[in-house]
Amino acid sequence: MTQSLVLTVNVDRADVNDYVRSSTDPRGEMTALSTLFSRLAAGTISGSVVAQKAAVASVAASGTMTVTYASVSNNDTVAVAGVTLTCVTGSPTGAQFKKETDATKTASNLAALINSLATVNIYVRATSALGVVTVRANQAGVVGNLIALATSNATGIAVSAAALAGGTGGAVVGATTYSRGL
C-alpha cells in the first residue's frame, strides 16, 4: 500500500531554485533535494522542514454514466464538474457529443468529449466500455468527492450519484516541524 508524506521546506534563501527545480531528470532532482536536506541537517543553511503523514493512502474518486441507447435523445444533457455536455444526432460542436449507432459508440464519444474539454479535463479523465463512461478525478483524495455529476433531461443517461465518490486520503494527520538555525 502506498503511503503519502508531505514535506514543506521553509528556507529564507534566494538560491532555493538550486535545490528545487523542474526538469526531466528525476535522479538529478532527488540528488538536489538530498543536498538541500543535508545542508539543513548540517546547519550550513537555516530553515525548517514540516513533515505530515497522510491518514490513509490516497485514492481518486470516480463515478459512472450509463448510456441506454434507445432512450438517448437529441439535446439530452449531462454535466460533469459543472460543465453541461449535450448529446446531438447531427454534427457535434463545442461541448456536444454525437449519438451513434449503439450505446458503446455513444459512450465513447461522451468520454472523448470529456477528455478534450479543458474546462472538464482539468478535473477528471474519462474512459468508456460497453456503454458505460467511467469518470475519475485527476487528483487523488477526498477532494474528488466534490466533483458533480448530473443529468437534467437525459433519460437515456444515468449517473451513479450526484458527485464522484470513493475518494480517500489526501488529509494529513498532525505535523512535525524540524528547525535548524531559525
N, C-alpha and C. Protein backbone atom coordinates (compact mmCIF):
# COMPACT_ATOMS: atom_id res chain seq x y z
N MET A 1 0.83 -1.17 0.00
CA MET A 1 0.00 0.00 0.00
C MET A 1 0.89 1.24 0.00
N THR A 2 0.55 2.21 -0.81
CA THR A 2 1.29 3.45 -0.91
C THR A 2 0.89 4.39 0.21
N GLN A 3 1.85 4.97 0.86
CA GLN A 3 1.62 5.98 1.89
C GLN A 3 2.08 7.33 1.35
N SER A 4 1.44 8.39 1.82
CA SER A 4 1.80 9.73 1.39
C SER A 4 2.50 10.47 2.52
N LEU A 5 3.54 11.18 2.17
CA LEU A 5 4.27 12.03 3.10
C LEU A 5 4.41 13.38 2.43
N VAL A 6 3.93 14.42 3.08
CA VAL A 6 4.01 15.77 2.55
C VAL A 6 5.10 16.50 3.32
N LEU A 7 6.10 17.02 2.60
CA LEU A 7 7.17 17.77 3.22
C LEU A 7 7.08 19.22 2.77
N THR A 8 7.10 20.13 3.74
CA THR A 8 7.15 21.56 3.43
C THR A 8 8.48 22.06 3.94
N VAL A 9 9.26 22.62 3.05
CA VAL A 9 10.58 23.12 3.40
C VAL A 9 10.52 24.64 3.39
N ASN A 10 10.90 25.25 4.51
CA ASN A 10 10.91 26.70 4.64
C ASN A 10 12.36 27.16 4.77
N VAL A 11 12.84 27.87 3.78
CA VAL A 11 14.18 28.45 3.84
C VAL A 11 14.09 29.89 3.38
N ASP A 12 14.92 30.72 3.95
CA ASP A 12 14.94 32.13 3.59
C ASP A 12 16.18 32.36 2.73
N ARG A 13 16.11 31.83 1.51
CA ARG A 13 17.28 31.92 0.62
C ARG A 13 16.81 32.20 -0.80
N ALA A 14 17.56 33.01 -1.47
CA ALA A 14 17.25 33.32 -2.87
C ALA A 14 17.63 32.17 -3.80
N ASP A 15 18.55 31.31 -3.35
CA ASP A 15 19.04 30.25 -4.23
C ASP A 15 18.29 28.93 -4.05
N VAL A 16 17.06 28.96 -3.51
CA VAL A 16 16.30 27.74 -3.30
C VAL A 16 16.08 26.99 -4.62
N ASN A 17 16.04 27.71 -5.73
CA ASN A 17 15.87 27.05 -7.03
C ASN A 17 17.06 26.17 -7.40
N ASP A 18 18.18 26.35 -6.72
CA ASP A 18 19.31 25.44 -6.95
C ASP A 18 18.99 24.04 -6.44
N TYR A 19 18.04 23.96 -5.51
CA TYR A 19 17.70 22.68 -4.90
C TYR A 19 16.39 22.10 -5.42
N VAL A 20 15.48 22.95 -5.80
CA VAL A 20 14.17 22.51 -6.27
C VAL A 20 13.92 23.17 -7.61
N ARG A 21 13.88 22.36 -8.64
CA ARG A 21 13.66 22.91 -9.97
C ARG A 21 12.94 21.87 -10.81
N SER A 22 12.39 22.32 -11.88
CA SER A 22 11.64 21.43 -12.77
C SER A 22 12.58 20.93 -13.86
N SER A 23 12.60 19.63 -14.04
CA SER A 23 13.41 19.08 -15.11
C SER A 23 12.88 17.70 -15.47
N THR A 24 13.51 17.11 -16.43
CA THR A 24 13.13 15.76 -16.83
C THR A 24 14.13 14.73 -16.29
N ASP A 25 14.92 15.14 -15.28
CA ASP A 25 15.93 14.28 -14.70
C ASP A 25 15.58 13.98 -13.24
N PRO A 26 14.73 12.98 -12.99
CA PRO A 26 14.32 12.69 -11.61
C PRO A 26 15.49 12.38 -10.69
N ARG A 27 16.50 11.68 -11.20
CA ARG A 27 17.66 11.35 -10.36
C ARG A 27 18.39 12.63 -9.94
N GLY A 28 18.55 13.54 -10.87
CA GLY A 28 19.19 14.83 -10.56
C GLY A 28 18.39 15.63 -9.56
N GLU A 29 17.06 15.58 -9.68
CA GLU A 29 16.19 16.30 -8.74
C GLU A 29 16.32 15.72 -7.34
N MET A 30 16.33 14.39 -7.24
CA MET A 30 16.46 13.76 -5.93
C MET A 30 17.82 14.09 -5.31
N THR A 31 18.86 14.14 -6.12
CA THR A 31 20.19 14.49 -5.63
C THR A 31 20.20 15.93 -5.11
N ALA A 32 19.56 16.84 -5.85
CA ALA A 32 19.50 18.24 -5.42
C ALA A 32 18.72 18.37 -4.11
N LEU A 33 17.60 17.65 -3.98
CA LEU A 33 16.84 17.69 -2.73
C LEU A 33 17.66 17.09 -1.58
N SER A 34 18.39 16.02 -1.87
CA SER A 34 19.24 15.41 -0.85
C SER A 34 20.27 16.42 -0.34
N THR A 35 20.84 17.19 -1.25
CA THR A 35 21.81 18.22 -0.88
C THR A 35 21.16 19.27 0.01
N LEU A 36 19.93 19.67 -0.34
CA LEU A 36 19.22 20.65 0.48
C LEU A 36 19.02 20.11 1.89
N PHE A 37 18.54 18.87 2.01
CA PHE A 37 18.31 18.29 3.33
C PHE A 37 19.62 18.11 4.10
N SER A 38 20.68 17.73 3.42
CA SER A 38 21.99 17.58 4.09
C SER A 38 22.48 18.90 4.65
N ARG A 39 22.32 19.97 3.87
CA ARG A 39 22.76 21.29 4.34
C ARG A 39 21.89 21.80 5.48
N LEU A 40 20.58 21.51 5.42
CA LEU A 40 19.72 21.88 6.54
C LEU A 40 20.12 21.12 7.79
N ALA A 41 20.37 19.82 7.66
CA ALA A 41 20.75 18.99 8.81
C ALA A 41 22.09 19.42 9.40
N ALA A 42 23.02 19.80 8.54
CA ALA A 42 24.35 20.21 8.99
C ALA A 42 24.34 21.62 9.58
N GLY A 43 23.28 22.37 9.32
CA GLY A 43 23.21 23.73 9.83
C GLY A 43 23.92 24.74 8.96
N THR A 44 24.33 24.35 7.76
CA THR A 44 25.02 25.31 6.87
C THR A 44 24.04 26.28 6.22
N ILE A 45 22.76 25.93 6.22
CA ILE A 45 21.71 26.87 5.85
C ILE A 45 20.61 26.78 6.89
N SER A 46 19.91 27.87 7.08
CA SER A 46 18.82 27.91 8.06
C SER A 46 17.51 27.55 7.38
N GLY A 47 16.65 26.89 8.13
CA GLY A 47 15.35 26.56 7.57
C GLY A 47 14.62 25.57 8.45
N SER A 48 13.46 25.17 7.98
CA SER A 48 12.69 24.17 8.70
C SER A 48 12.02 23.24 7.70
N VAL A 49 11.72 22.04 8.17
CA VAL A 49 11.01 21.05 7.38
C VAL A 49 9.80 20.63 8.20
N VAL A 50 8.61 20.70 7.60
CA VAL A 50 7.40 20.25 8.24
C VAL A 50 7.01 18.94 7.56
N ALA A 51 6.94 17.88 8.33
CA ALA A 51 6.60 16.56 7.79
C ALA A 51 5.19 16.19 8.22
N GLN A 52 4.36 15.82 7.24
CA GLN A 52 2.98 15.43 7.51
C GLN A 52 2.72 14.10 6.82
N LYS A 53 2.20 13.14 7.58
CA LYS A 53 1.87 11.84 7.02
C LYS A 53 0.37 11.79 6.75
N ALA A 54 0.00 11.32 5.58
CA ALA A 54 -1.41 11.20 5.24
C ALA A 54 -2.06 10.15 6.12
N ALA A 55 -3.34 10.40 6.47
CA ALA A 55 -4.07 9.48 7.33
C ALA A 55 -4.24 8.12 6.67
N VAL A 56 -4.55 8.10 5.41
CA VAL A 56 -4.70 6.87 4.65
C VAL A 56 -4.13 7.11 3.26
N ALA A 57 -3.85 6.05 2.55
CA ALA A 57 -3.37 6.19 1.20
C ALA A 57 -4.44 6.87 0.35
N SER A 58 -4.02 7.75 -0.53
CA SER A 58 -4.97 8.48 -1.35
C SER A 58 -5.50 7.63 -2.50
N VAL A 59 -6.81 7.72 -2.73
CA VAL A 59 -7.48 7.05 -3.83
C VAL A 59 -8.32 8.10 -4.55
N ALA A 60 -8.32 8.07 -5.86
CA ALA A 60 -9.09 9.03 -6.65
C ALA A 60 -10.57 8.66 -6.64
N ALA A 61 -11.43 9.67 -6.52
CA ALA A 61 -12.88 9.47 -6.60
C ALA A 61 -13.27 9.15 -8.03
N SER A 62 -14.38 8.44 -8.18
CA SER A 62 -14.86 8.11 -9.53
C SER A 62 -16.37 8.00 -9.53
N GLY A 63 -16.92 7.97 -10.72
CA GLY A 63 -18.35 7.79 -10.90
C GLY A 63 -18.60 7.29 -12.31
N THR A 64 -19.83 6.90 -12.58
CA THR A 64 -20.15 6.39 -13.92
C THR A 64 -21.38 7.07 -14.49
N MET A 65 -21.42 7.04 -15.81
CA MET A 65 -22.59 7.47 -16.57
C MET A 65 -22.92 6.32 -17.51
N THR A 66 -24.11 5.76 -17.38
CA THR A 66 -24.51 4.62 -18.19
C THR A 66 -25.47 5.08 -19.27
N VAL A 67 -25.12 4.77 -20.53
CA VAL A 67 -25.92 5.17 -21.68
C VAL A 67 -26.87 4.04 -22.05
N THR A 68 -28.17 4.35 -22.11
CA THR A 68 -29.18 3.42 -22.63
C THR A 68 -29.56 3.94 -24.00
N TYR A 69 -29.04 3.30 -25.03
CA TYR A 69 -29.13 3.82 -26.39
C TYR A 69 -30.56 4.16 -26.83
N ALA A 70 -31.49 3.28 -26.58
CA ALA A 70 -32.86 3.51 -27.07
C ALA A 70 -33.51 4.74 -26.44
N SER A 71 -33.01 5.15 -25.27
CA SER A 71 -33.62 6.29 -24.57
C SER A 71 -32.89 7.61 -24.77
N VAL A 72 -31.68 7.58 -25.32
CA VAL A 72 -30.92 8.82 -25.52
C VAL A 72 -31.52 9.60 -26.68
N SER A 73 -31.78 10.88 -26.42
CA SER A 73 -32.41 11.73 -27.43
C SER A 73 -31.53 12.93 -27.76
N ASN A 74 -31.81 13.52 -28.91
CA ASN A 74 -31.15 14.76 -29.31
C ASN A 74 -31.39 15.82 -28.23
N ASN A 75 -30.34 16.52 -27.86
CA ASN A 75 -30.34 17.60 -26.86
C ASN A 75 -30.45 17.12 -25.42
N ASP A 76 -30.30 15.82 -25.15
CA ASP A 76 -30.18 15.36 -23.77
C ASP A 76 -28.87 15.93 -23.23
N THR A 77 -28.86 16.28 -21.94
CA THR A 77 -27.65 16.86 -21.36
C THR A 77 -27.24 16.13 -20.10
N VAL A 78 -25.95 16.12 -19.88
CA VAL A 78 -25.34 15.67 -18.64
C VAL A 78 -24.33 16.75 -18.26
N ALA A 79 -23.98 16.80 -16.99
CA ALA A 79 -22.98 17.78 -16.54
C ALA A 79 -21.91 17.06 -15.75
N VAL A 80 -20.68 17.44 -16.03
CA VAL A 80 -19.52 16.91 -15.31
C VAL A 80 -18.73 18.11 -14.82
N ALA A 81 -18.49 18.17 -13.52
CA ALA A 81 -17.77 19.28 -12.92
C ALA A 81 -18.40 20.62 -13.28
N GLY A 82 -19.73 20.63 -13.37
CA GLY A 82 -20.45 21.85 -13.65
C GLY A 82 -20.51 22.26 -15.11
N VAL A 83 -19.94 21.47 -16.01
CA VAL A 83 -19.95 21.79 -17.43
C VAL A 83 -21.00 20.91 -18.11
N THR A 84 -21.92 21.56 -18.81
CA THR A 84 -23.01 20.84 -19.48
C THR A 84 -22.54 20.29 -20.82
N LEU A 85 -22.82 19.01 -21.03
CA LEU A 85 -22.45 18.30 -22.26
C LEU A 85 -23.75 17.84 -22.91
N THR A 86 -23.89 18.12 -24.20
CA THR A 86 -25.15 17.87 -24.90
C THR A 86 -25.01 16.81 -25.97
N CYS A 87 -25.94 15.86 -25.97
CA CYS A 87 -25.99 14.82 -26.99
C CYS A 87 -26.70 15.38 -28.23
N VAL A 88 -26.12 15.14 -29.40
CA VAL A 88 -26.75 15.59 -30.64
C VAL A 88 -26.77 14.44 -31.64
N THR A 89 -27.74 14.49 -32.52
CA THR A 89 -27.81 13.48 -33.58
C THR A 89 -27.12 13.96 -34.85
N GLY A 90 -26.86 15.26 -34.92
CA GLY A 90 -26.15 15.83 -36.07
C GLY A 90 -24.66 15.92 -35.77
N SER A 91 -24.00 16.87 -36.41
CA SER A 91 -22.56 17.08 -36.21
C SER A 91 -22.32 17.86 -34.93
N PRO A 92 -21.53 17.31 -34.01
CA PRO A 92 -21.30 18.00 -32.74
C PRO A 92 -20.32 19.17 -32.89
N THR A 93 -20.55 20.20 -32.08
CA THR A 93 -19.64 21.33 -31.96
C THR A 93 -19.53 21.69 -30.50
N GLY A 94 -18.44 22.32 -30.11
CA GLY A 94 -18.28 22.76 -28.72
C GLY A 94 -18.41 21.62 -27.74
N ALA A 95 -19.30 21.78 -26.78
CA ALA A 95 -19.49 20.80 -25.71
C ALA A 95 -20.59 19.81 -26.06
N GLN A 96 -20.54 19.28 -27.27
CA GLN A 96 -21.54 18.31 -27.73
C GLN A 96 -20.88 16.99 -28.09
N PHE A 97 -21.62 15.90 -27.88
CA PHE A 97 -21.15 14.58 -28.31
C PHE A 97 -22.24 13.95 -29.16
N LYS A 98 -21.83 13.10 -30.08
CA LYS A 98 -22.75 12.54 -31.06
C LYS A 98 -23.36 11.22 -30.59
N LYS A 99 -24.68 11.10 -30.79
CA LYS A 99 -25.36 9.82 -30.59
C LYS A 99 -25.03 8.98 -31.82
N GLU A 100 -24.43 7.84 -31.58
CA GLU A 100 -24.01 6.96 -32.67
C GLU A 100 -25.02 5.83 -32.85
N THR A 101 -24.56 4.73 -33.39
CA THR A 101 -25.45 3.61 -33.72
C THR A 101 -25.70 2.64 -32.57
N ASP A 102 -24.99 2.83 -31.43
CA ASP A 102 -25.22 1.99 -30.26
C ASP A 102 -24.69 2.70 -29.01
N ALA A 103 -24.98 2.12 -27.85
CA ALA A 103 -24.58 2.73 -26.58
C ALA A 103 -23.07 2.80 -26.43
N THR A 104 -22.36 1.77 -26.89
CA THR A 104 -20.91 1.73 -26.75
C THR A 104 -20.25 2.89 -27.50
N LYS A 105 -20.66 3.12 -28.73
CA LYS A 105 -20.07 4.21 -29.51
C LYS A 105 -20.48 5.58 -28.97
N THR A 106 -21.72 5.69 -28.52
CA THR A 106 -22.19 6.97 -27.96
C THR A 106 -21.42 7.29 -26.67
N ALA A 107 -21.23 6.29 -25.81
CA ALA A 107 -20.46 6.48 -24.57
C ALA A 107 -19.02 6.83 -24.89
N SER A 108 -18.45 6.23 -25.91
CA SER A 108 -17.09 6.53 -26.33
C SER A 108 -16.97 8.00 -26.76
N ASN A 109 -17.98 8.49 -27.46
CA ASN A 109 -17.99 9.90 -27.87
C ASN A 109 -18.08 10.83 -26.65
N LEU A 110 -18.89 10.45 -25.67
CA LEU A 110 -19.02 11.25 -24.45
C LEU A 110 -17.68 11.28 -23.69
N ALA A 111 -17.03 10.14 -23.55
CA ALA A 111 -15.73 10.09 -22.87
C ALA A 111 -14.69 10.93 -23.62
N ALA A 112 -14.68 10.84 -24.94
CA ALA A 112 -13.74 11.62 -25.73
C ALA A 112 -13.98 13.12 -25.55
N LEU A 113 -15.24 13.52 -25.47
CA LEU A 113 -15.57 14.93 -25.25
C LEU A 113 -15.06 15.39 -23.89
N ILE A 114 -15.31 14.62 -22.86
CA ILE A 114 -14.85 14.96 -21.51
C ILE A 114 -13.34 15.17 -21.51
N ASN A 115 -12.61 14.27 -22.16
CA ASN A 115 -11.15 14.34 -22.18
C ASN A 115 -10.62 15.48 -23.05
N SER A 116 -11.44 15.98 -23.97
CA SER A 116 -10.96 17.03 -24.87
C SER A 116 -11.26 18.44 -24.37
N LEU A 117 -12.18 18.59 -23.44
CA LEU A 117 -12.56 19.93 -22.97
C LEU A 117 -11.68 20.37 -21.81
N ALA A 118 -10.95 21.46 -21.99
CA ALA A 118 -10.06 21.97 -20.95
C ALA A 118 -10.82 22.35 -19.68
N THR A 119 -12.08 22.74 -19.80
CA THR A 119 -12.87 23.12 -18.63
C THR A 119 -13.28 21.90 -17.81
N VAL A 120 -13.14 20.72 -18.36
CA VAL A 120 -13.50 19.49 -17.65
C VAL A 120 -12.27 18.65 -17.35
N ASN A 121 -11.39 18.48 -18.35
CA ASN A 121 -10.25 17.57 -18.16
C ASN A 121 -9.22 18.09 -17.17
N ILE A 122 -9.37 19.31 -16.73
CA ILE A 122 -8.52 19.81 -15.64
C ILE A 122 -8.86 19.10 -14.33
N TYR A 123 -10.10 18.61 -14.22
CA TYR A 123 -10.57 17.95 -13.00
C TYR A 123 -10.65 16.43 -13.11
N VAL A 124 -11.04 15.93 -14.30
CA VAL A 124 -11.29 14.50 -14.45
C VAL A 124 -10.78 13.97 -15.78
N ARG A 125 -10.68 12.64 -15.85
CA ARG A 125 -10.42 11.92 -17.09
C ARG A 125 -11.51 10.86 -17.22
N ALA A 126 -11.84 10.51 -18.45
CA ALA A 126 -12.93 9.55 -18.66
C ALA A 126 -12.47 8.40 -19.55
N THR A 127 -13.04 7.24 -19.29
CA THR A 127 -12.86 6.06 -20.14
C THR A 127 -14.25 5.50 -20.40
N SER A 128 -14.38 4.68 -21.43
CA SER A 128 -15.69 4.07 -21.69
C SER A 128 -15.52 2.62 -22.11
N ALA A 129 -16.54 1.85 -21.79
CA ALA A 129 -16.59 0.44 -22.18
C ALA A 129 -18.04 -0.02 -22.13
N LEU A 130 -18.50 -0.59 -23.20
CA LEU A 130 -19.82 -1.21 -23.27
C LEU A 130 -20.96 -0.28 -22.81
N GLY A 131 -20.90 0.98 -23.21
CA GLY A 131 -21.97 1.91 -22.91
C GLY A 131 -21.86 2.59 -21.55
N VAL A 132 -20.78 2.36 -20.84
CA VAL A 132 -20.58 2.99 -19.54
C VAL A 132 -19.34 3.88 -19.59
N VAL A 133 -19.53 5.13 -19.19
CA VAL A 133 -18.41 6.08 -19.09
C VAL A 133 -18.00 6.14 -17.63
N THR A 134 -16.72 5.87 -17.36
CA THR A 134 -16.19 6.00 -16.01
C THR A 134 -15.41 7.30 -15.95
N VAL A 135 -15.75 8.12 -14.99
CA VAL A 135 -15.10 9.42 -14.79
C VAL A 135 -14.30 9.32 -13.50
N ARG A 136 -13.01 9.66 -13.57
CA ARG A 136 -12.13 9.56 -12.41
C ARG A 136 -11.46 10.91 -12.18
N ALA A 137 -11.44 11.34 -10.91
CA ALA A 137 -10.80 12.61 -10.54
C ALA A 137 -9.30 12.54 -10.85
N ASN A 138 -8.75 13.62 -11.35
CA ASN A 138 -7.32 13.68 -11.62
C ASN A 138 -6.50 13.68 -10.33
N GLN A 139 -7.04 14.30 -9.30
CA GLN A 139 -6.34 14.40 -8.03
C GLN A 139 -6.90 13.37 -7.06
N ALA A 140 -6.03 12.55 -6.54
CA ALA A 140 -6.47 11.56 -5.55
C ALA A 140 -6.83 12.27 -4.25
N GLY A 141 -7.72 11.66 -3.50
CA GLY A 141 -8.10 12.20 -2.20
C GLY A 141 -9.57 12.53 -2.13
N VAL A 142 -10.00 12.95 -0.95
CA VAL A 142 -11.41 13.25 -0.71
C VAL A 142 -11.90 14.42 -1.53
N VAL A 143 -11.00 15.27 -1.99
CA VAL A 143 -11.42 16.45 -2.76
C VAL A 143 -12.19 16.04 -4.03
N GLY A 144 -11.88 14.90 -4.60
CA GLY A 144 -12.58 14.43 -5.79
C GLY A 144 -14.04 14.12 -5.55
N ASN A 145 -14.40 13.85 -4.30
CA ASN A 145 -15.80 13.57 -3.95
C ASN A 145 -16.70 14.79 -4.13
N LEU A 146 -16.10 15.95 -4.37
CA LEU A 146 -16.86 17.18 -4.56
C LEU A 146 -17.19 17.47 -6.02
N ILE A 147 -16.67 16.67 -6.94
CA ILE A 147 -16.90 16.90 -8.37
C ILE A 147 -18.28 16.37 -8.75
N ALA A 148 -19.12 17.27 -9.25
CA ALA A 148 -20.51 16.93 -9.53
C ALA A 148 -20.69 16.16 -10.83
N LEU A 149 -21.67 15.25 -10.80
CA LEU A 149 -22.17 14.54 -11.99
C LEU A 149 -23.68 14.75 -11.98
N ALA A 150 -24.25 15.10 -13.10
CA ALA A 150 -25.70 15.33 -13.10
C ALA A 150 -26.29 15.11 -14.48
N THR A 151 -27.56 14.78 -14.49
CA THR A 151 -28.34 14.78 -15.73
C THR A 151 -29.50 15.73 -15.50
N SER A 152 -29.91 16.41 -16.56
CA SER A 152 -31.06 17.29 -16.37
C SER A 152 -32.25 16.73 -17.12
N ASN A 153 -32.10 16.53 -18.40
CA ASN A 153 -33.22 15.99 -19.18
C ASN A 153 -32.83 14.73 -19.93
N ALA A 154 -31.79 14.05 -19.44
CA ALA A 154 -31.28 12.88 -20.15
C ALA A 154 -31.82 11.61 -19.54
N THR A 155 -32.93 11.12 -20.03
CA THR A 155 -33.47 9.87 -19.50
C THR A 155 -32.66 8.66 -19.97
N GLY A 156 -31.86 8.83 -21.02
CA GLY A 156 -31.06 7.74 -21.55
C GLY A 156 -29.65 7.68 -21.01
N ILE A 157 -29.33 8.57 -20.07
CA ILE A 157 -28.00 8.56 -19.44
C ILE A 157 -28.21 8.64 -17.94
N ALA A 158 -27.80 7.61 -17.23
CA ALA A 158 -27.94 7.58 -15.77
C ALA A 158 -26.59 7.77 -15.12
N VAL A 159 -26.53 8.62 -14.10
CA VAL A 159 -25.28 8.82 -13.36
C VAL A 159 -25.31 8.00 -12.08
N SER A 160 -24.15 7.59 -11.63
CA SER A 160 -24.04 6.74 -10.44
C SER A 160 -24.42 7.48 -9.17
N ALA A 161 -24.20 8.77 -9.14
CA ALA A 161 -24.53 9.59 -7.97
C ALA A 161 -24.42 11.05 -8.38
N ALA A 162 -24.79 11.95 -7.48
CA ALA A 162 -24.74 13.38 -7.77
C ALA A 162 -23.32 13.92 -7.81
N ALA A 163 -22.38 13.14 -7.35
CA ALA A 163 -20.97 13.54 -7.35
C ALA A 163 -20.11 12.29 -7.43
N LEU A 164 -18.85 12.48 -7.80
CA LEU A 164 -17.92 11.35 -7.76
C LEU A 164 -17.84 10.87 -6.32
N ALA A 165 -17.47 9.63 -6.14
CA ALA A 165 -17.42 9.05 -4.80
C ALA A 165 -16.21 8.13 -4.67
N GLY A 166 -15.89 7.78 -3.44
CA GLY A 166 -14.83 6.81 -3.18
C GLY A 166 -13.45 7.41 -3.03
N GLY A 167 -13.35 8.73 -3.16
CA GLY A 167 -12.04 9.36 -2.97
C GLY A 167 -11.66 9.31 -1.50
N THR A 168 -10.46 8.83 -1.21
CA THR A 168 -9.99 8.76 0.18
C THR A 168 -8.59 9.33 0.27
N GLY A 169 -8.24 9.71 1.47
CA GLY A 169 -6.89 10.22 1.72
C GLY A 169 -6.76 11.68 1.33
N GLY A 170 -5.53 12.11 1.31
CA GLY A 170 -5.27 13.50 0.98
C GLY A 170 -5.22 14.36 2.24
N ALA A 171 -5.94 13.94 3.29
CA ALA A 171 -5.90 14.67 4.55
C ALA A 171 -4.67 14.22 5.32
N VAL A 172 -4.09 15.12 6.06
CA VAL A 172 -2.88 14.78 6.79
C VAL A 172 -3.17 14.67 8.28
N VAL A 173 -2.38 13.89 8.94
CA VAL A 173 -2.52 13.69 10.38
C VAL A 173 -1.36 14.37 11.05
N GLY A 174 -1.65 15.40 11.83
CA GLY A 174 -0.61 16.07 12.58
C GLY A 174 0.56 16.51 11.71
N ALA A 175 1.48 17.17 12.31
CA ALA A 175 2.68 17.61 11.60
C ALA A 175 3.81 17.69 12.60
N THR A 176 4.99 17.39 12.14
CA THR A 176 6.19 17.54 12.94
C THR A 176 7.09 18.53 12.22
N THR A 177 7.57 19.53 12.96
CA THR A 177 8.44 20.54 12.37
C THR A 177 9.85 20.34 12.90
N TYR A 178 10.80 20.30 11.99
CA TYR A 178 12.21 20.20 12.31
C TYR A 178 12.85 21.51 11.88
N SER A 179 13.43 22.27 12.85
CA SER A 179 14.03 23.56 12.52
C SER A 179 15.51 23.54 12.80
N ARG A 180 16.22 24.31 11.99
CA ARG A 180 17.67 24.40 12.18
C ARG A 180 18.08 25.83 11.87
N GLY A 181 18.61 26.52 12.86
CA GLY A 181 19.16 27.85 12.63
C GLY A 181 18.15 28.96 12.54
N LEU A 182 16.89 28.68 12.84
CA LEU A 182 15.88 29.76 12.79
C LEU A 182 15.60 30.30 14.16
